[in-house]
Amino acid sequence: MVSLTFGVVHSFLSSPTNVLLMLLLVLVIAALWSMHIPAGFPQGPRGLPLIGSLVAFATDPMYTLTDLAKKYGDIFSLKLGMQRIVVLSNIELVREALVKKQNAFAGRPMVHSLDLFSEGGEDIAAGNFTQKWKTLRKIAHQAISYELDDTEFKDILKFIQNFNESFGNGLLADVVPIFKYIPTNGLRAFKKNLNKWFSLIQSKIDGHKIKTQEGNVSDLVDDVLKIQAEAKAAGEDQADLLTDVNVRQVVADIFGAGIDTTINTMNWCIAYMVNYPDVQTKVQEEIDDVIGQRLPLLTDKTKLPYCEAVIHEVMRIRTVAPVSVPHETTEDTSVGGYNIPKGTQIWTNLWKLHMDEKYWTEPEQFRPERFLDEDGQALPKQDSFLPFSAGRRVCVGEVLAKNEMLLIFTCLFQQFTFLPAPGKEKPSLEPTFQSLVTRCIPYDVVARERISRDSCT
């Protein structure tokens, strides 16, 4: 009987046509299985075989996510290529996952672009939830004290611009892994810009090593190198927690993410102030009353509630990282009553949180007063306002970013009034989404000087 069966199979496979039919059948079964949603898993669009809902995300991905939440509810699943993703779209679900069950949701998916950018997960933003990651995060907290000189700042701005142009809406290899072996133009440009970025950061680090050896510590790079030297002196186990690659990645994280986020937010602030000149006037009146013509200081923060409210409202209505950085479950867990297996990618739809009518009256309206009480003072932190995410992976530079943005914002509107450029339209307030980052459509404005720059020193 066995020999008869073997003979039939052998005869069937000896025909090239039959082999092709067999392969085609396997591909069809695999394609159909890729659309399967496991029992107990959040529902969502099945998408197309193999590529899932990739086509639907080619343009305006945040609007697509919001529309899907309206159809399937505030927790749903989708497939992008081979990646199965669960999207959380209200504050209750986000807090359950990122705060109440923070360890279970503290992982990072290692997609190809993040793998390249983090040199194999050796940084804070993309690193997985391990003891080494906790150490790197602690080091970053200790080391944020750095200022850039003009030359370095221009180099970093140039890299960010080139990176955004080459990265576009992401790498296809992030959702269809086989493409990481195919040298497409996008992948080559991405790697080229990445090599320049790492060289820029490494040259900065190399220039600081002599200073730290002499005990001269004055900025972030010096701090990180000093901590690395102490770790090496403590023994091999401690030294492995902060290798040369980790040093480069910690510095790159703080420079790259912090600068791009701040610039992007300030672009939106100027765009909104040009479109809302009455708000710009109130901002300048508060700055003039509190600061006058001297440089703004962090000690002014509590006296500038309206300025801070404007920044918060911009961060709400045009969240620059609308799904933050994707998380990944580190164990089998649950959220919203659904089973979430280990290794599932989790997106938090901060865009929808910030537009939730349950928490925000007329959320599409730009209204800084929503962050102020009846006396014009700052309200406590609002529910459903998480521009820096929450839980274990909350932005490590949140406090620095908030302070930095307030100082830049107040200094800009202390010195200048921003107006539409002659013959040009006001800046568009319609967002564009580039690799799930909310950016302005490029615009032209006039910066009319209010006070002498020499007086603001």
Protein backbone atom coordinates (compact mmCIF):
# COMPACT_ATOMS: atom_id res chain seq x y z
CA MET A 1 0.00 0.00 0.00
CA VAL A 2 2.85 2.35 0.95
CA SER A 3 4.77 1.54 -2.19
CA LEU A 4 1.64 2.10 -4.29
CA THR A 5 1.05 5.53 -2.72
CA PHE A 6 4.69 6.48 -3.22
CA GLY A 7 4.46 5.44 -6.83
CA VAL A 8 1.39 7.59 -7.45
CA VAL A 9 3.02 10.61 -5.85
CA HIS A 10 6.24 10.08 -7.79
CA SER A 11 4.30 9.76 -11.03
CA PHE A 12 2.34 12.95 -10.28
CA LEU A 13 5.46 15.00 -9.43
CA SER A 14 7.36 13.77 -12.49
CA SER A 15 5.25 16.10 -14.61
CA PRO A 16 6.47 19.75 -14.64
CA THR A 17 2.87 20.88 -15.16
CA ASN A 18 1.76 19.04 -12.04
CA VAL A 19 4.63 20.53 -10.03
CA LEU A 20 3.63 24.03 -11.12
CA LEU A 21 0.01 23.31 -10.23
CA MET A 22 1.14 22.07 -6.82
CA LEU A 23 3.20 25.20 -6.19
CA LEU A 24 0.31 27.38 -7.33
CA LEU A 25 -2.02 25.57 -4.93
CA VAL A 26 0.42 26.12 -2.06
CA LEU A 27 0.66 29.82 -2.91
CA VAL A 28 -3.13 30.17 -3.05
CA ILE A 29 -3.52 28.45 0.33
CA ALA A 30 -0.78 30.67 1.83
CA ALA A 31 -2.39 33.78 0.37
CA LEU A 32 -5.81 32.87 1.75
CA TRP A 33 -4.32 31.99 5.13
CA SER A 34 -2.64 35.39 5.26
CA MET A 35 -6.14 36.92 5.38
CA HIS A 36 -7.20 34.76 8.33
CA ILE A 37 -7.95 36.54 11.63
CA PRO A 38 -7.24 34.30 14.67
CA ALA A 39 -10.02 33.50 17.16
CA GLY A 40 -10.22 36.03 20.01
CA PHE A 41 -8.18 38.57 18.01
CA PRO A 42 -9.55 42.06 17.24
CA GLN A 43 -11.49 42.23 13.98
CA GLY A 44 -10.54 44.46 11.09
CA PRO A 45 -10.18 44.60 7.30
CA ARG A 46 -8.91 41.36 5.80
CA GLY A 47 -7.18 43.24 3.01
CA LEU A 48 -5.70 41.57 -0.04
CA PRO A 49 -3.77 38.29 -0.04
CA LEU A 50 -0.13 38.67 1.05
CA ILE A 51 -0.07 42.51 0.95
CA GLY A 52 -3.00 43.05 3.32
CA SER A 53 -4.19 46.68 3.52
CA LEU A 54 -0.93 48.13 2.16
CA VAL A 55 -2.62 49.88 -0.79
CA ALA A 56 -5.08 51.70 1.48
CA PHE A 57 -2.14 53.25 3.38
CA ALA A 58 -0.40 54.69 0.34
CA THR A 59 -1.90 58.13 1.05
CA ASP A 60 -3.32 59.83 4.16
CA PRO A 61 -2.66 56.89 6.51
CA MET A 62 -4.02 58.69 9.59
CA TYR A 63 -7.36 59.34 7.94
CA THR A 64 -7.44 55.68 6.93
CA LEU A 65 -6.81 54.59 10.52
CA THR A 66 -9.49 56.94 11.83
CA ASP A 67 -12.02 55.67 9.27
CA LEU A 68 -11.23 52.07 10.23
CA ALA A 69 -11.79 52.91 13.91
CA LYS A 70 -15.23 54.28 13.03
CA LYS A 71 -16.06 51.04 11.22
CA TYR A 72 -14.51 48.40 13.51
CA GLY A 73 -14.29 50.19 16.86
CA ASP A 74 -11.48 51.68 18.92
CA ILE A 75 -9.51 48.44 18.84
CA PHE A 76 -9.05 46.68 15.51
CA SER A 77 -6.45 44.72 13.61
CA LEU A 78 -5.01 44.98 10.11
CA LYS A 79 -2.28 43.49 7.97
CA LEU A 80 0.41 45.53 6.27
CA GLY A 81 2.33 43.09 4.10
CA MET A 82 3.31 40.30 6.46
CA GLN A 83 2.91 42.40 9.61
CA ARG A 84 -0.21 41.88 11.74
CA ILE A 85 -0.96 45.07 13.68
CA VAL A 86 -3.41 45.95 16.45
CA VAL A 87 -4.46 49.62 16.58
CA LEU A 88 -5.64 51.24 19.83
CA SER A 89 -7.72 54.38 19.32
CA ASN A 90 -8.98 55.65 22.68
CA ILE A 91 -7.32 56.72 25.92
CA GLU A 92 -8.80 53.86 27.97
CA LEU A 93 -7.29 51.20 25.71
CA VAL A 94 -3.96 53.02 25.45
CA ARG A 95 -3.69 53.34 29.24
CA GLU A 96 -4.63 49.68 29.73
CA ALA A 97 -1.85 48.61 27.39
CA LEU A 98 0.93 51.15 27.96
CA VAL A 99 0.40 51.90 31.66
CA LYS A 100 -1.46 49.06 33.40
CA LYS A 101 0.26 46.33 31.38
CA GLN A 102 3.32 48.32 30.44
CA ASN A 103 5.88 45.50 30.57
CA ALA A 104 3.77 43.28 28.28
CA PHE A 105 3.51 46.09 25.69
CA ALA A 106 7.04 47.51 26.04
CA GLY A 107 8.70 45.72 23.12
CA ARG A 108 9.69 47.17 19.74
CA PRO A 109 9.11 45.49 16.38
CA MET A 110 12.42 45.14 14.56
CA VAL A 111 11.43 46.17 11.04
CA HIS A 112 14.21 46.62 8.51
CA SER A 113 14.45 50.43 8.61
CA LEU A 114 14.66 50.49 12.42
CA ASP A 115 17.20 47.66 12.34
CA LEU A 116 19.43 49.72 10.04
CA PHE A 117 18.87 52.99 11.88
CA SER A 118 19.59 51.47 15.31
CA GLU A 119 22.51 49.28 14.17
CA GLY A 120 20.66 46.17 15.26
CA GLY A 121 18.54 47.57 18.09
CA GLU A 122 21.45 49.13 20.00
CA ASP A 123 19.64 52.40 20.76
CA ILE A 124 16.82 53.61 23.00
CA ALA A 125 14.05 54.31 20.49
CA ALA A 126 14.23 50.96 18.67
CA GLY A 127 15.89 48.77 21.29
CA ASN A 128 13.87 45.93 22.78
CA PHE A 129 12.74 45.91 26.42
CA THR A 130 15.78 44.44 28.19
CA GLN A 131 17.98 45.31 31.16
CA LYS A 132 20.48 46.85 28.76
CA TRP A 133 17.74 49.06 27.27
CA LYS A 134 16.78 50.22 30.79
CA THR A 135 20.43 51.16 31.42
CA LEU A 136 20.69 53.11 28.14
CA ARG A 137 17.50 55.00 28.94
CA LYS A 138 18.81 55.91 32.39
CA ILE A 139 22.06 57.15 30.87
CA ALA A 140 20.13 59.33 28.41
CA HIS A 141 18.19 60.89 31.29
CA GLN A 142 21.46 61.73 33.03
CA ALA A 143 23.16 63.11 29.93
CA ILE A 144 20.55 65.53 28.45
CA SER A 145 22.36 68.86 28.93
CA TYR A 146 23.68 69.61 25.48
CA GLU A 147 23.66 72.55 23.11
CA LEU A 148 24.75 72.59 19.48
CA ASP A 149 27.00 75.09 17.80
CA ASP A 150 25.87 76.53 14.48
CA THR A 151 27.99 74.27 12.25
CA GLU A 152 26.81 71.04 13.88
CA PHE A 153 23.22 72.23 13.85
CA LYS A 154 23.32 72.94 10.11
CA ASP A 155 24.88 69.53 9.42
CA ILE A 156 22.16 67.78 11.41
CA LEU A 157 19.39 69.79 9.73
CA LYS A 158 20.80 68.83 6.32
CA PHE A 159 20.85 65.16 7.28
CA ILE A 160 17.26 65.27 8.55
CA GLN A 161 16.08 66.84 5.28
CA ASN A 162 17.95 64.28 3.16
CA PHE A 163 16.76 61.44 5.37
CA ASN A 164 13.12 62.47 5.11
CA GLU A 165 13.41 62.71 1.32
CA SER A 166 15.04 59.27 0.97
CA PHE A 167 12.81 57.56 3.56
CA GLY A 168 9.55 58.93 2.18
CA ASN A 169 6.71 56.78 3.49
CA GLY A 170 9.01 54.04 4.73
CA LEU A 171 10.79 51.05 3.26
CA LEU A 172 8.86 48.30 1.53
CA ALA A 173 11.13 45.86 3.39
CA ASP A 174 9.44 46.92 6.64
CA VAL A 175 6.23 45.15 5.62
CA VAL A 176 7.50 42.64 3.04
CA PRO A 177 10.81 41.39 4.53
CA ILE A 178 12.13 39.77 1.33
CA PHE A 179 12.67 43.25 -0.14
CA LYS A 180 15.55 43.91 2.27
CA TYR A 181 17.62 41.66 -0.04
CA ILE A 182 16.68 43.68 -3.13
CA PRO A 183 18.86 46.83 -3.58
CA THR A 184 16.15 49.29 -4.60
CA ASN A 185 16.96 52.99 -5.15
CA GLY A 186 15.10 53.87 -1.94
CA LEU A 187 17.06 51.38 0.13
CA ARG A 188 20.39 52.51 -1.34
CA ALA A 189 19.58 56.20 -0.64
CA PHE A 190 18.48 55.31 2.88
CA LYS A 191 21.74 53.47 3.64
CA LYS A 192 23.85 56.24 2.06
CA ASN A 193 22.28 58.93 4.24
CA LEU A 194 22.49 56.68 7.28
CA ASN A 195 26.24 56.19 6.80
CA LYS A 196 26.70 59.97 6.61
CA TRP A 197 24.67 60.37 9.80
CA PHE A 198 26.69 57.79 11.72
CA SER A 199 29.94 59.40 10.50
CA LEU A 200 28.74 62.82 11.70
CA ILE A 201 27.83 61.49 15.14
CA GLN A 202 31.04 59.41 15.44
CA SER A 203 33.27 62.36 14.52
CA LYS A 204 31.59 64.38 17.28
CA ILE A 205 32.20 61.56 19.77
CA ASP A 206 35.85 61.12 18.73
CA GLY A 207 36.47 64.82 19.24
CA HIS A 208 35.20 64.60 22.82
CA LYS A 209 37.19 61.57 23.98
CA ILE A 210 40.29 63.60 24.86
CA LYS A 211 38.21 66.05 26.91
CA THR A 212 36.66 63.30 29.02
CA GLN A 213 40.05 61.66 29.58
CA GLU A 214 41.19 64.96 31.05
CA GLY A 215 38.10 65.13 33.27
CA ASN A 216 36.57 68.03 31.31
CA VAL A 217 32.82 67.28 31.07
CA SER A 218 30.64 70.03 29.60
CA ASP A 219 27.90 68.52 27.43
CA LEU A 220 25.88 65.42 26.56
CA VAL A 221 28.62 63.64 24.60
CA ASP A 222 31.11 64.20 27.42
CA ASP A 223 28.59 62.87 29.92
CA VAL A 224 27.94 59.68 27.96
CA LEU A 225 31.66 59.05 27.44
CA LYS A 226 32.32 59.63 31.15
CA ILE A 227 29.61 57.09 32.05
CA GLN A 228 31.10 54.62 29.55
CA ALA A 229 34.57 55.01 31.09
CA GLU A 230 33.13 54.37 34.55
CA ALA A 231 31.33 51.27 33.24
CA LYS A 232 34.54 49.90 31.74
CA ALA A 233 36.36 50.50 35.01
CA ALA A 234 33.62 48.60 36.86
CA GLY A 235 34.25 45.41 34.89
CA GLU A 236 33.35 43.58 31.68
CA ASP A 237 29.68 43.05 32.58
CA GLN A 238 29.08 46.77 33.04
CA ALA A 239 31.12 47.67 29.95
CA ASP A 240 28.87 45.47 27.78
CA LEU A 241 25.91 47.67 28.75
CA LEU A 242 27.46 50.70 27.01
CA THR A 243 29.55 49.72 23.98
CA ASP A 244 30.89 52.19 21.40
CA VAL A 245 27.85 51.42 19.22
CA ASN A 246 25.53 52.17 22.17
CA VAL A 247 27.27 55.52 22.73
CA ARG A 248 26.80 56.45 19.08
CA GLN A 249 23.16 55.37 19.15
CA VAL A 250 22.26 57.19 22.39
CA VAL A 251 23.73 60.43 21.03
CA ALA A 252 22.04 59.91 17.64
CA ASP A 253 18.67 59.27 19.30
CA ILE A 254 18.73 62.51 21.25
CA PHE A 255 20.04 64.62 18.37
CA GLY A 256 17.90 63.19 15.57
CA ALA A 257 14.54 62.64 17.22
CA GLY A 258 14.64 65.74 19.40
CA ILE A 259 15.63 68.19 16.68
CA ASP A 260 13.24 66.92 14.01
CA THR A 261 10.27 66.86 16.41
CA THR A 262 10.99 70.39 17.66
CA ILE A 263 11.46 71.85 14.17
CA ASN A 264 8.31 70.17 12.92
CA THR A 265 6.27 71.50 15.85
CA MET A 266 7.64 75.03 15.37
CA ASN A 267 6.74 74.89 11.67
CA TRP A 268 3.15 74.15 12.67
CA CYS A 269 3.20 76.90 15.32
CA ILE A 270 4.23 79.54 12.77
CA ALA A 271 1.65 78.25 10.26
CA TYR A 272 -1.13 78.52 12.84
CA MET A 273 -0.03 81.94 14.08
CA VAL A 274 -0.13 83.32 10.54
CA ASN A 275 -3.62 81.89 10.10
CA TYR A 276 -4.75 83.13 13.55
CA PRO A 277 -3.24 86.64 13.92
CA ASP A 278 -5.41 87.37 16.97
CA VAL A 279 -3.78 84.42 18.78
CA GLN A 280 -0.35 85.66 17.70
CA THR A 281 -1.16 89.07 19.18
CA LYS A 282 -2.17 87.52 22.53
CA VAL A 283 1.03 85.49 22.54
CA GLN A 284 3.14 88.60 21.98
CA GLU A 285 1.27 90.58 24.61
CA GLU A 286 1.96 87.90 27.22
CA ILE A 287 5.63 87.71 26.21
CA ASP A 288 5.99 91.50 26.37
CA ASP A 289 4.33 91.67 29.81
CA VAL A 290 6.35 88.84 31.35
CA ILE A 291 9.73 88.96 29.58
CA GLY A 292 10.11 92.30 27.86
CA GLN A 293 13.24 92.37 25.71
CA ARG A 294 15.53 90.08 27.68
CA LEU A 295 16.09 86.42 26.78
CA PRO A 296 13.32 84.03 27.86
CA LEU A 297 14.22 81.79 30.81
CA LEU A 298 12.82 78.49 32.04
CA THR A 299 11.83 80.28 35.23
CA ASP A 300 9.34 82.25 33.09
CA LYS A 301 7.39 79.07 32.29
CA THR A 302 4.70 79.36 34.98
CA LYS A 303 4.10 82.98 33.95
CA LEU A 304 3.43 82.11 30.30
CA PRO A 305 0.26 79.98 30.43
CA TYR A 306 -1.15 81.29 27.14
CA CYS A 307 2.08 80.60 25.20
CA GLU A 308 2.19 77.10 26.64
CA ALA A 309 -1.50 76.57 25.81
CA VAL A 310 -0.86 77.55 22.18
CA ILE A 311 2.01 75.04 21.91
CA HIS A 312 -0.14 72.31 23.48
CA GLU A 313 -3.03 73.03 21.13
CA VAL A 314 -0.69 72.83 18.12
CA MET A 315 0.68 69.53 19.44
CA ARG A 316 -2.89 68.26 19.86
CA ILE A 317 -4.42 69.32 16.55
CA ARG A 318 -1.33 68.42 14.49
CA THR A 319 0.34 65.63 16.46
CA VAL A 320 3.73 65.23 14.77
CA ALA A 321 4.08 61.55 15.75
CA PRO A 322 0.44 60.47 15.33
CA VAL A 323 1.02 56.78 16.11
CA SER A 324 4.19 57.37 18.15
CA VAL A 325 6.72 54.56 17.53
CA PRO A 326 5.09 51.12 17.19
CA HIS A 327 5.21 48.80 20.20
CA GLU A 328 5.40 45.02 20.27
CA THR A 329 4.04 42.63 22.89
CA THR A 330 6.72 40.84 24.90
CA GLU A 331 4.38 38.04 26.02
CA ASP A 332 0.90 36.66 25.39
CA THR A 333 -1.45 39.26 26.86
CA SER A 334 -4.80 40.99 26.32
CA VAL A 335 -6.30 44.44 25.84
CA GLY A 336 -9.91 45.51 25.54
CA GLY A 337 -10.99 41.92 26.18
CA TYR A 338 -9.10 40.57 23.14
CA ASN A 339 -6.24 38.07 23.12
CA ILE A 340 -2.97 39.55 21.88
CA PRO A 341 -0.21 37.00 21.18
CA LYS A 342 3.45 37.67 21.93
CA GLY A 343 5.20 39.48 19.07
CA THR A 344 2.12 41.42 17.90
CA GLN A 345 2.80 44.94 16.66
CA ILE A 346 0.80 47.63 18.51
CA TRP A 347 -0.01 51.09 17.17
CA THR A 348 -1.46 53.79 19.41
CA ASN A 349 -3.56 56.19 17.34
CA LEU A 350 -2.65 59.41 19.15
CA TRP A 351 -4.20 61.37 16.28
CA LYS A 352 -7.63 59.97 17.12
CA LEU A 353 -7.04 60.42 20.87
CA HIS A 354 -6.42 64.10 20.24
CA MET A 355 -9.54 64.38 18.08
CA ASP A 356 -11.86 62.39 20.39
CA GLU A 357 -15.11 64.34 20.84
CA LYS A 358 -15.59 62.61 24.20
CA TYR A 359 -12.68 64.67 25.57
CA TRP A 360 -12.37 67.60 23.16
CA THR A 361 -15.22 69.95 22.24
CA GLU A 362 -15.13 70.66 18.50
CA PRO A 363 -11.71 69.02 18.16
CA GLU A 364 -11.15 70.25 14.59
CA GLN A 365 -11.18 73.85 15.86
CA PHE A 366 -7.91 75.52 16.88
CA ARG A 367 -8.64 76.75 20.40
CA PRO A 368 -5.69 77.25 22.84
CA GLU A 369 -8.15 78.23 25.61
CA ARG A 370 -9.10 74.56 26.03
CA PHE A 371 -5.85 74.17 28.01
CA LEU A 372 -6.67 77.09 30.36
CA ASP A 373 -9.10 77.56 33.25
CA GLU A 374 -11.53 80.48 33.61
CA ASP A 375 -8.78 82.64 35.10
CA GLY A 376 -6.44 82.01 32.17
CA GLN A 377 -4.16 79.70 34.15
CA ALA A 378 -2.87 76.33 32.94
CA LEU A 379 -5.16 73.37 33.61
CA PRO A 380 -3.74 70.08 34.91
CA LYS A 381 -2.64 67.62 32.22
CA GLN A 382 -5.65 66.70 30.13
CA ASP A 383 -6.90 63.15 29.70
CA SER A 384 -6.47 61.94 26.13
CA PHE A 385 -3.46 64.24 25.56
CA LEU A 386 -0.37 62.10 24.99
CA PRO A 387 1.89 63.75 22.40
CA PHE A 388 4.90 61.98 23.95
CA SER A 389 3.11 58.63 24.43
CA ALA A 390 3.04 56.92 27.87
CA GLY A 391 4.33 54.00 29.91
CA ARG A 392 7.71 52.32 29.61
CA ARG A 393 8.42 53.80 26.19
CA VAL A 394 7.33 57.38 26.92
CA CYS A 395 9.65 59.80 25.11
CA VAL A 396 12.89 60.00 27.11
CA GLY A 397 13.32 63.66 26.14
CA GLU A 398 9.78 64.81 27.00
CA VAL A 399 10.77 67.34 29.67
CA LEU A 400 13.66 68.67 27.58
CA ALA A 401 11.47 68.94 24.47
CA LYS A 402 8.73 70.86 26.30
CA ASN A 403 11.20 73.32 27.77
CA GLU A 404 13.08 73.70 24.50
CA MET A 405 9.91 74.36 22.50
CA LEU A 406 8.69 76.98 24.98
CA LEU A 407 12.02 78.84 24.87
CA ILE A 408 12.21 78.75 21.06
CA PHE A 409 8.55 79.72 20.68
CA THR A 410 8.76 82.68 23.05
CA CYS A 411 12.00 83.95 21.54
CA LEU A 412 10.59 83.71 17.99
CA PHE A 413 7.42 85.65 18.75
CA GLN A 414 9.23 88.07 21.03
CA GLN A 415 11.43 89.16 18.13
CA PHE A 416 9.19 88.68 15.09
CA THR A 417 5.63 88.97 13.82
CA PHE A 418 4.94 86.34 11.17
CA LEU A 419 2.80 87.42 8.20
CA PRO A 420 1.70 85.94 4.86
CA ALA A 421 4.29 86.46 2.13
CA PRO A 422 3.24 89.04 -0.49
CA GLY A 423 1.42 87.39 -3.36
CA LYS A 424 1.31 84.05 -1.54
CA GLU A 425 -1.48 82.16 0.18
CA LYS A 426 -1.42 81.73 3.94
CA PRO A 427 0.29 78.49 5.03
CA SER A 428 -1.97 75.51 4.51
CA LEU A 429 -3.12 73.82 7.72
CA GLU A 430 -3.80 70.56 5.90
CA PRO A 431 -1.39 67.89 7.13
CA THR A 432 0.80 65.66 5.00
CA PHE A 433 1.94 62.30 6.35
CA GLN A 434 5.48 61.17 5.66
CA SER A 435 6.39 57.80 7.16
CA LEU A 436 3.63 58.40 9.73
CA VAL A 437 5.00 61.82 10.68
CA THR A 438 2.65 64.81 10.36
CA ARG A 439 4.35 67.58 8.38
CA CYS A 440 3.37 70.96 6.95
CA ILE A 441 3.02 71.58 3.26
CA PRO A 442 6.04 73.89 2.58
CA TYR A 443 5.07 77.55 2.88
CA ASP A 444 6.46 81.10 2.61
CA VAL A 445 5.96 83.74 5.30
CA VAL A 446 7.44 87.11 6.19
CA ALA A 447 9.13 87.52 9.59
CA ARG A 448 8.78 91.22 10.49
CA GLU A 449 11.22 92.27 13.19
CA ARG A 450 9.59 93.59 16.38
CA ILE A 451 12.69 94.38 18.44
CA SER A 452 16.39 94.62 17.76
CA ARG A 453 18.09 91.25 17.89
CA ASP A 454 20.92 92.84 19.85
CA SER A 455 18.55 93.51 22.73
CA CYS A 456 17.63 89.80 22.98
CA THR A 457 21.07 88.65 24.18
